[in-house]
N, C-alpha and C. Protein backbone atom coordinates (compact mmCIF):
# COMPACT_ATOMS: atom_id res chain seq x y z
N MET A 1 -8.15 1.34 22.78
CA MET A 1 -7.33 1.71 21.89
C MET A 1 -5.83 1.84 22.07
N SER A 2 -4.80 1.27 21.39
CA SER A 2 -3.44 1.44 21.73
C SER A 2 -2.95 2.75 21.39
N GLY A 3 -3.52 3.61 20.51
CA GLY A 3 -3.15 4.78 20.45
C GLY A 3 -2.19 4.94 19.05
N VAL A 4 -1.86 3.68 18.54
CA VAL A 4 -0.84 3.56 17.39
C VAL A 4 -1.65 3.64 15.98
N THR A 5 -1.17 4.64 15.22
CA THR A 5 -1.85 4.92 13.91
C THR A 5 -1.30 3.98 12.88
N THR A 6 -1.91 3.05 12.20
CA THR A 6 -1.80 2.17 11.07
C THR A 6 -1.37 3.17 9.86
N PRO A 7 -0.36 2.73 8.91
CA PRO A 7 -0.30 3.44 7.69
C PRO A 7 -1.69 3.95 7.16
N GLN A 8 -2.79 3.00 7.12
CA GLN A 8 -3.82 3.33 6.33
C GLN A 8 -4.78 4.39 6.91
N GLU A 9 -4.53 4.84 8.33
CA GLU A 9 -5.04 5.68 9.04
C GLU A 9 -4.79 7.06 9.07
N GLN A 10 -3.19 6.91 8.44
CA GLN A 10 -2.44 8.25 8.64
C GLN A 10 -3.21 9.15 7.49
N GLU A 11 -2.87 10.61 7.54
CA GLU A 11 -3.35 11.62 6.79
C GLU A 11 -2.31 11.94 5.93
N THR A 12 -0.95 11.93 6.06
CA THR A 12 0.05 12.19 5.52
C THR A 12 1.44 11.33 5.60
N TRP A 13 2.46 11.20 4.61
CA TRP A 13 3.45 10.45 4.90
C TRP A 13 4.68 11.09 4.27
N THR A 14 5.92 10.89 4.54
CA THR A 14 7.19 11.26 4.13
C THR A 14 7.32 9.91 3.18
N ILE A 15 8.36 10.37 2.32
CA ILE A 15 8.98 9.75 1.10
C ILE A 15 9.30 8.50 1.63
N ALA A 16 10.25 8.59 2.87
CA ALA A 16 10.66 7.42 3.64
C ALA A 16 9.69 6.55 4.33
N GLU A 17 8.75 6.94 4.68
CA GLU A 17 7.62 6.22 5.29
C GLU A 17 7.22 5.35 4.02
N LEU A 18 6.84 5.87 3.14
CA LEU A 18 6.04 5.21 1.80
C LEU A 18 7.09 4.15 1.23
N GLY A 19 8.37 4.78 1.00
CA GLY A 19 9.56 3.73 0.75
C GLY A 19 9.54 2.47 1.31
N ASP A 20 9.75 2.58 2.88
CA ASP A 20 9.53 1.46 4.00
C ASP A 20 8.19 0.51 3.68
N GLU A 21 7.19 1.25 3.74
CA GLU A 21 5.87 0.47 3.61
C GLU A 21 5.94 -0.22 2.57
N PHE A 22 6.24 0.23 1.32
CA PHE A 22 5.87 -0.43 0.06
C PHE A 22 7.49 -0.95 -0.54
N HIS A 23 8.48 -0.98 0.35
CA HIS A 23 9.79 -1.73 -0.11
C HIS A 23 10.15 -1.20 -1.39
N VAL A 24 10.12 0.27 -1.94
CA VAL A 24 10.65 0.73 -2.98
C VAL A 24 11.72 1.73 -2.52
N THR A 25 12.69 2.11 -3.14
CA THR A 25 13.45 3.39 -2.99
C THR A 25 13.03 4.64 -3.11
N HIS A 26 13.53 5.61 -2.48
CA HIS A 26 13.32 7.06 -2.65
C HIS A 26 13.37 7.59 -4.04
N ARG A 27 14.26 6.98 -4.83
CA ARG A 27 14.71 7.06 -6.26
C ARG A 27 13.27 6.80 -7.05
N THR A 28 12.76 5.84 -6.67
CA THR A 28 11.56 5.01 -7.42
C THR A 28 10.57 6.03 -7.32
N ILE A 29 10.27 6.32 -5.99
CA ILE A 29 8.95 7.38 -5.77
C ILE A 29 9.31 8.46 -6.35
N ARG A 30 10.59 9.19 -6.44
CA ARG A 30 10.82 10.49 -7.18
C ARG A 30 10.67 10.30 -8.67
N HIS A 31 10.98 8.97 -9.16
CA HIS A 31 10.75 8.86 -10.55
C HIS A 31 9.33 8.75 -11.05
N TYR A 32 8.29 8.12 -10.10
CA TYR A 32 6.93 8.27 -10.42
C TYR A 32 6.25 9.66 -10.24
N GLU A 33 6.83 10.39 -9.52
CA GLU A 33 6.69 11.59 -9.22
C GLU A 33 7.21 12.57 -10.61
N GLU A 34 8.17 12.40 -10.96
CA GLU A 34 8.68 13.15 -12.26
C GLU A 34 7.86 12.74 -13.32
N LEU A 35 7.17 11.52 -13.59
CA LEU A 35 6.53 11.14 -14.50
C LEU A 35 4.99 11.60 -14.41
N GLY A 36 4.56 12.09 -13.25
CA GLY A 36 3.43 12.69 -13.09
C GLY A 36 2.42 11.79 -12.54
N LEU A 37 3.06 10.56 -12.09
CA LEU A 37 2.01 9.46 -11.75
C LEU A 37 1.32 9.75 -10.31
N ILE A 38 2.31 10.31 -9.47
CA ILE A 38 2.11 11.04 -8.20
C ILE A 38 2.12 12.49 -8.09
N SER A 39 1.65 13.06 -7.18
CA SER A 39 2.22 14.44 -7.08
C SER A 39 2.09 14.86 -5.49
N PRO A 40 2.95 14.89 -5.04
CA PRO A 40 3.11 15.00 -3.48
C PRO A 40 3.03 16.62 -3.18
N GLU A 41 2.56 17.03 -2.02
CA GLU A 41 2.64 18.76 -1.77
C GLU A 41 4.06 18.62 -1.53
N ARG A 42 4.65 19.85 -2.01
CA ARG A 42 6.05 20.24 -1.33
C ARG A 42 5.89 21.44 -0.31
N ARG A 43 6.55 20.98 0.60
CA ARG A 43 6.77 21.96 1.92
C ARG A 43 8.35 22.44 1.91
N GLY A 44 8.57 23.47 1.05
CA GLY A 44 10.03 23.73 1.06
C GLY A 44 10.76 22.51 0.06
N THR A 45 11.83 21.61 0.91
CA THR A 45 12.27 20.89 0.18
C THR A 45 11.52 19.40 0.49
N VAL A 46 10.62 19.58 1.39
CA VAL A 46 10.22 18.18 1.84
C VAL A 46 8.84 17.90 1.11
N ARG A 47 8.84 16.50 0.76
CA ARG A 47 7.61 16.04 -0.05
C ARG A 47 6.57 15.64 1.07
N VAL A 48 5.32 15.80 0.98
CA VAL A 48 4.26 15.42 1.81
C VAL A 48 3.28 14.71 0.90
N PHE A 49 3.28 13.55 1.10
CA PHE A 49 2.25 12.49 0.33
C PHE A 49 0.94 12.39 1.06
N HIS A 50 -0.10 12.71 0.42
CA HIS A 50 -1.44 12.59 1.08
C HIS A 50 -2.10 10.83 0.51
N LYS A 51 -3.35 11.13 1.05
CA LYS A 51 -3.93 9.49 0.58
C LYS A 51 -3.98 9.29 -0.76
N ARG A 52 -4.22 10.15 -1.42
CA ARG A 52 -4.42 10.02 -3.01
C ARG A 52 -3.26 9.47 -3.67
N ASP A 53 -2.12 10.25 -3.01
CA ASP A 53 -0.42 9.71 -3.40
C ASP A 53 -0.24 8.22 -2.94
N ARG A 54 -0.73 8.03 -1.80
CA ARG A 54 -0.58 6.88 -1.37
C ARG A 54 -0.98 5.59 -2.21
N THR A 55 -2.63 5.71 -2.51
CA THR A 55 -3.43 5.09 -3.13
C THR A 55 -2.82 4.82 -4.74
N ARG A 56 -2.38 5.85 -5.24
CA ARG A 56 -1.87 5.82 -6.67
C ARG A 56 -0.42 5.04 -6.46
N LEU A 57 0.62 5.20 -5.57
CA LEU A 57 1.59 4.44 -5.45
C LEU A 57 1.41 2.89 -5.53
N ALA A 58 0.52 2.55 -4.64
CA ALA A 58 0.03 1.26 -4.40
C ALA A 58 -0.52 0.59 -5.86
N LEU A 59 -1.38 1.35 -6.49
CA LEU A 59 -1.66 0.73 -7.82
C LEU A 59 -0.69 0.75 -8.80
N ILE A 60 0.30 1.86 -9.00
CA ILE A 60 1.37 1.52 -9.74
C ILE A 60 2.45 0.42 -9.27
N LEU A 61 2.34 0.18 -8.16
CA LEU A 61 3.22 -0.99 -8.00
C LEU A 61 2.40 -2.25 -7.96
N ARG A 62 1.34 -2.32 -7.66
CA ARG A 62 0.45 -3.60 -8.20
C ARG A 62 0.45 -3.62 -9.61
N GLY A 63 0.02 -2.58 -10.65
CA GLY A 63 0.34 -2.63 -11.91
C GLY A 63 1.59 -3.21 -12.67
N LYS A 64 2.93 -2.90 -12.04
CA LYS A 64 4.28 -3.33 -12.23
C LYS A 64 4.20 -4.82 -11.83
N ARG A 65 3.83 -4.98 -10.85
CA ARG A 65 3.70 -6.36 -10.38
C ARG A 65 3.30 -7.52 -11.23
N ILE A 66 2.06 -7.04 -12.13
CA ILE A 66 1.56 -7.92 -12.90
C ILE A 66 1.82 -7.42 -14.34
N GLY A 67 2.62 -6.99 -14.52
CA GLY A 67 3.43 -6.68 -15.76
C GLY A 67 2.77 -5.73 -16.62
N PHE A 68 2.40 -4.73 -16.24
CA PHE A 68 1.53 -3.46 -17.15
C PHE A 68 2.83 -2.34 -17.17
N PRO A 69 3.00 -1.87 -18.31
CA PRO A 69 3.96 -0.97 -18.43
C PRO A 69 3.37 0.58 -17.93
N LEU A 70 4.26 1.25 -17.55
CA LEU A 70 4.01 2.59 -16.67
C LEU A 70 2.71 3.43 -17.61
N ASP A 71 2.94 3.35 -18.89
CA ASP A 71 1.85 4.24 -19.94
C ASP A 71 0.41 3.65 -19.36
N GLU A 72 0.45 2.27 -19.50
CA GLU A 72 -0.95 1.60 -19.14
C GLU A 72 -1.37 1.81 -17.83
N ILE A 73 -0.47 1.90 -16.61
CA ILE A 73 -0.86 2.07 -15.54
C ILE A 73 -1.38 3.46 -15.38
N ARG A 74 -0.78 4.45 -15.88
CA ARG A 74 -1.05 5.92 -15.94
C ARG A 74 -2.39 5.98 -16.53
N THR A 75 -2.75 5.39 -17.84
CA THR A 75 -4.08 5.35 -18.32
C THR A 75 -5.08 5.01 -17.36
N ILE A 76 -4.79 3.63 -16.62
CA ILE A 76 -5.96 2.98 -15.47
C ILE A 76 -6.02 3.88 -14.42
N ILE A 77 -5.01 4.61 -13.96
CA ILE A 77 -5.35 5.37 -12.55
C ILE A 77 -5.75 6.67 -12.89
N ASP A 78 -5.49 7.32 -14.03
CA ASP A 78 -5.90 8.37 -14.26
C ASP A 78 -7.35 8.60 -14.75
N MET A 79 -7.85 7.37 -15.36
CA MET A 79 -9.44 7.31 -15.79
C MET A 79 -10.12 7.28 -14.44
N TYR A 80 -9.91 6.97 -13.19
CA TYR A 80 -10.49 7.18 -12.10
C TYR A 80 -11.13 8.44 -11.83
N ASP A 81 -10.29 9.63 -12.28
CA ASP A 81 -10.66 11.01 -11.99
C ASP A 81 -11.51 11.52 -13.16
N GLN A 82 -11.54 10.82 -14.39
CA GLN A 82 -12.24 11.33 -15.47
C GLN A 82 -13.51 10.78 -15.80
N THR A 83 -14.23 10.99 -16.79
CA THR A 83 -15.36 10.41 -17.06
C THR A 83 -14.93 9.56 -18.00
N PRO A 84 -15.40 8.13 -17.98
CA PRO A 84 -16.70 7.89 -17.02
C PRO A 84 -16.28 7.33 -15.78
N GLY A 85 -15.06 7.77 -15.27
CA GLY A 85 -14.79 7.31 -13.85
C GLY A 85 -14.52 6.05 -13.55
N GLU A 86 -15.06 5.69 -12.47
CA GLU A 86 -14.68 4.28 -11.80
C GLU A 86 -15.16 3.21 -12.97
N GLU A 87 -16.19 3.19 -13.44
CA GLU A 87 -16.69 2.06 -14.37
C GLU A 87 -15.85 2.03 -15.52
N GLY A 88 -15.53 3.19 -16.23
CA GLY A 88 -14.53 3.38 -17.20
C GLY A 88 -13.48 2.59 -17.13
N GLN A 89 -12.79 2.86 -15.89
CA GLN A 89 -11.58 2.47 -15.44
C GLN A 89 -11.51 1.01 -15.33
N LEU A 90 -12.69 0.29 -14.67
CA LEU A 90 -12.56 -0.99 -14.42
C LEU A 90 -13.08 -1.84 -15.92
N VAL A 91 -13.98 -1.38 -16.68
CA VAL A 91 -13.86 -2.01 -18.23
C VAL A 91 -12.47 -1.79 -18.67
N TYR A 92 -11.89 -0.62 -18.80
CA TYR A 92 -10.57 -0.46 -19.57
C TYR A 92 -9.54 -1.62 -18.75
N LEU A 93 -9.59 -1.82 -17.55
CA LEU A 93 -8.76 -2.85 -16.77
C LEU A 93 -9.02 -4.18 -17.22
N LEU A 94 -10.13 -4.33 -17.14
CA LEU A 94 -10.67 -5.86 -17.53
C LEU A 94 -9.99 -6.14 -19.14
N GLU A 95 -10.15 -5.09 -19.92
CA GLU A 95 -9.65 -5.48 -21.23
C GLU A 95 -8.05 -5.63 -21.33
N GLN A 96 -7.41 -4.86 -20.54
CA GLN A 96 -5.73 -4.99 -20.41
C GLN A 96 -5.46 -6.15 -19.73
N ILE A 97 -6.14 -6.78 -18.70
CA ILE A 97 -6.01 -8.02 -18.08
C ILE A 97 -6.28 -9.10 -18.95
N ALA A 98 -7.10 -9.10 -19.96
CA ALA A 98 -7.54 -10.14 -20.75
C ALA A 98 -6.14 -9.87 -22.01
N ALA A 99 -6.02 -8.91 -22.36
CA ALA A 99 -4.74 -8.88 -23.34
C ALA A 99 -3.51 -9.36 -22.69
N ARG A 100 -3.29 -8.77 -21.25
CA ARG A 100 -2.03 -9.30 -20.80
C ARG A 100 -2.00 -11.10 -20.48
N ARG A 101 -3.08 -11.55 -20.17
CA ARG A 101 -3.44 -12.81 -20.00
C ARG A 101 -3.20 -13.70 -21.38
N THR A 102 -3.71 -13.01 -22.18
CA THR A 102 -3.34 -13.65 -23.82
C THR A 102 -1.97 -14.09 -24.22
N ASP A 103 -1.30 -12.65 -23.73
CA ASP A 103 0.25 -12.42 -23.98
C ASP A 103 0.71 -13.60 -23.25
N LEU A 104 0.65 -13.58 -22.12
CA LEU A 104 1.49 -14.41 -20.96
C LEU A 104 0.83 -15.96 -21.42
N LEU A 105 -0.13 -16.39 -21.70
CA LEU A 105 -0.49 -17.63 -22.17
C LEU A 105 0.42 -17.99 -23.58
N GLN A 106 0.70 -17.20 -24.40
CA GLN A 106 1.19 -17.53 -25.69
C GLN A 106 2.62 -17.50 -25.31
N ARG A 107 3.13 -16.69 -24.56
CA ARG A 107 4.58 -16.71 -24.12
C ARG A 107 4.86 -18.38 -23.47
N ARG A 108 4.04 -18.66 -22.71
CA ARG A 108 3.89 -19.84 -21.79
C ARG A 108 3.95 -21.09 -22.93
N ALA A 109 3.38 -20.88 -23.94
CA ALA A 109 3.04 -21.89 -25.10
C ALA A 109 4.34 -21.93 -25.83
N ASP A 110 4.90 -20.98 -25.87
CA ASP A 110 6.20 -20.51 -26.66
C ASP A 110 7.48 -21.17 -25.94
N ILE A 111 7.34 -20.97 -24.64
CA ILE A 111 8.31 -21.36 -23.75
C ILE A 111 8.28 -23.23 -23.97
N ASP A 112 7.08 -23.75 -23.66
CA ASP A 112 6.81 -25.16 -23.55
C ASP A 112 7.56 -25.70 -24.69
N GLN A 113 6.97 -25.05 -26.11
CA GLN A 113 7.59 -25.45 -27.17
C GLN A 113 9.05 -25.47 -27.49
N THR A 114 9.66 -24.54 -26.84
CA THR A 114 11.22 -24.24 -27.12
C THR A 114 11.84 -25.40 -26.07
N LEU A 115 11.38 -25.54 -25.06
CA LEU A 115 11.68 -26.77 -23.91
C LEU A 115 11.66 -28.03 -24.65
N ARG A 116 10.51 -28.41 -25.28
CA ARG A 116 10.46 -29.43 -26.27
C ARG A 116 11.20 -29.76 -27.07
N ASP A 117 11.60 -28.51 -27.96
CA ASP A 117 12.75 -28.54 -28.87
C ASP A 117 13.95 -28.76 -28.29
N LEU A 118 14.30 -28.55 -27.07
CA LEU A 118 15.62 -28.57 -26.64
C LEU A 118 15.78 -29.83 -26.32
N ALA A 119 14.85 -30.38 -25.73
CA ALA A 119 14.85 -31.67 -25.14
C ALA A 119 15.20 -32.91 -26.55
N ASP A 120 14.44 -32.40 -27.70
CA ASP A 120 14.82 -33.37 -28.94
C ASP A 120 16.06 -33.25 -29.38
N VAL A 121 16.67 -31.98 -29.26
CA VAL A 121 17.89 -31.71 -29.75
C VAL A 121 18.91 -32.31 -28.72
N GLU A 122 18.73 -32.42 -27.45
CA GLU A 122 19.56 -32.76 -26.68
C GLU A 122 19.47 -34.33 -26.42
N HIS A 123 18.47 -34.92 -26.66
CA HIS A 123 18.40 -36.48 -27.13
C HIS A 123 19.17 -36.84 -28.15
N ARG A 124 18.81 -36.18 -29.56
CA ARG A 124 19.70 -36.52 -30.70
C ARG A 124 21.31 -36.38 -30.38
N CYS A 125 21.82 -35.35 -29.85
CA CYS A 125 23.03 -35.16 -29.37
C CYS A 125 23.46 -36.31 -28.54
N HIS A 126 22.66 -36.78 -27.67
CA HIS A 126 23.17 -38.05 -26.73
C HIS A 126 23.11 -39.34 -27.78
N SER A 127 22.38 -39.60 -28.53
CA SER A 127 22.42 -40.57 -29.24
C SER A 127 23.78 -40.36 -30.65
N ASP A 128 23.70 -39.25 -30.89
CA ASP A 128 25.07 -39.18 -32.02
C ASP A 128 26.37 -39.27 -31.28
N LEU A 129 26.47 -39.01 -29.79
CA LEU A 129 27.31 -39.13 -29.17
C LEU A 129 27.92 -40.48 -28.68
N HIS A 130 26.61 -41.24 -28.38
CA HIS A 130 26.65 -42.57 -28.09
C HIS A 130 27.21 -43.64 -29.21
N ASP A 131 26.54 -43.37 -30.45
CA ASP A 131 27.14 -43.56 -31.78
C ASP A 131 28.48 -43.33 -32.21
N LEU A 132 29.13 -42.25 -31.89
CA LEU A 132 30.36 -41.88 -32.20
C LEU A 132 31.15 -42.59 -31.32
N ARG A 133 31.01 -42.96 -30.02
CA ARG A 133 31.89 -43.75 -29.17
C ARG A 133 31.65 -45.37 -29.33
N GLY A 134 30.52 -45.63 -30.39
CA GLY A 134 30.89 -47.08 -30.64
C GLY A 134 30.06 -47.74 -29.49
N HIS A 135 29.44 -47.30 -28.85
CA HIS A 135 28.62 -48.22 -27.83
C HIS A 135 27.19 -48.60 -28.38
């Protein structure tokens, strides 16, 4: 063993360590704390983050990456600690994923239609310009 502790093996983290690990600002982490999404221990003015906080931060950031709003992320991660626990959390998450997928597919279809409409208008503009120039 090298004696080096990986982030996953640590017991506690500072705000700087979490910020560096997850590539987020201290302000972002404090914002999540203000919203009650994470709740680090306070030792005077120092925030001490435990494994639960680190896990929750990872889940928050993953949820943000796939487009969930913070209120949905809160619901999902809070469900783990409540009845029906992990099973209920997973069922709810699957429902949210399906809804998000449906929304994204509709947006894709709308974008594809808009691109086709733009191509049609562009083609007509080129044609009209060609006619105006007498070519």
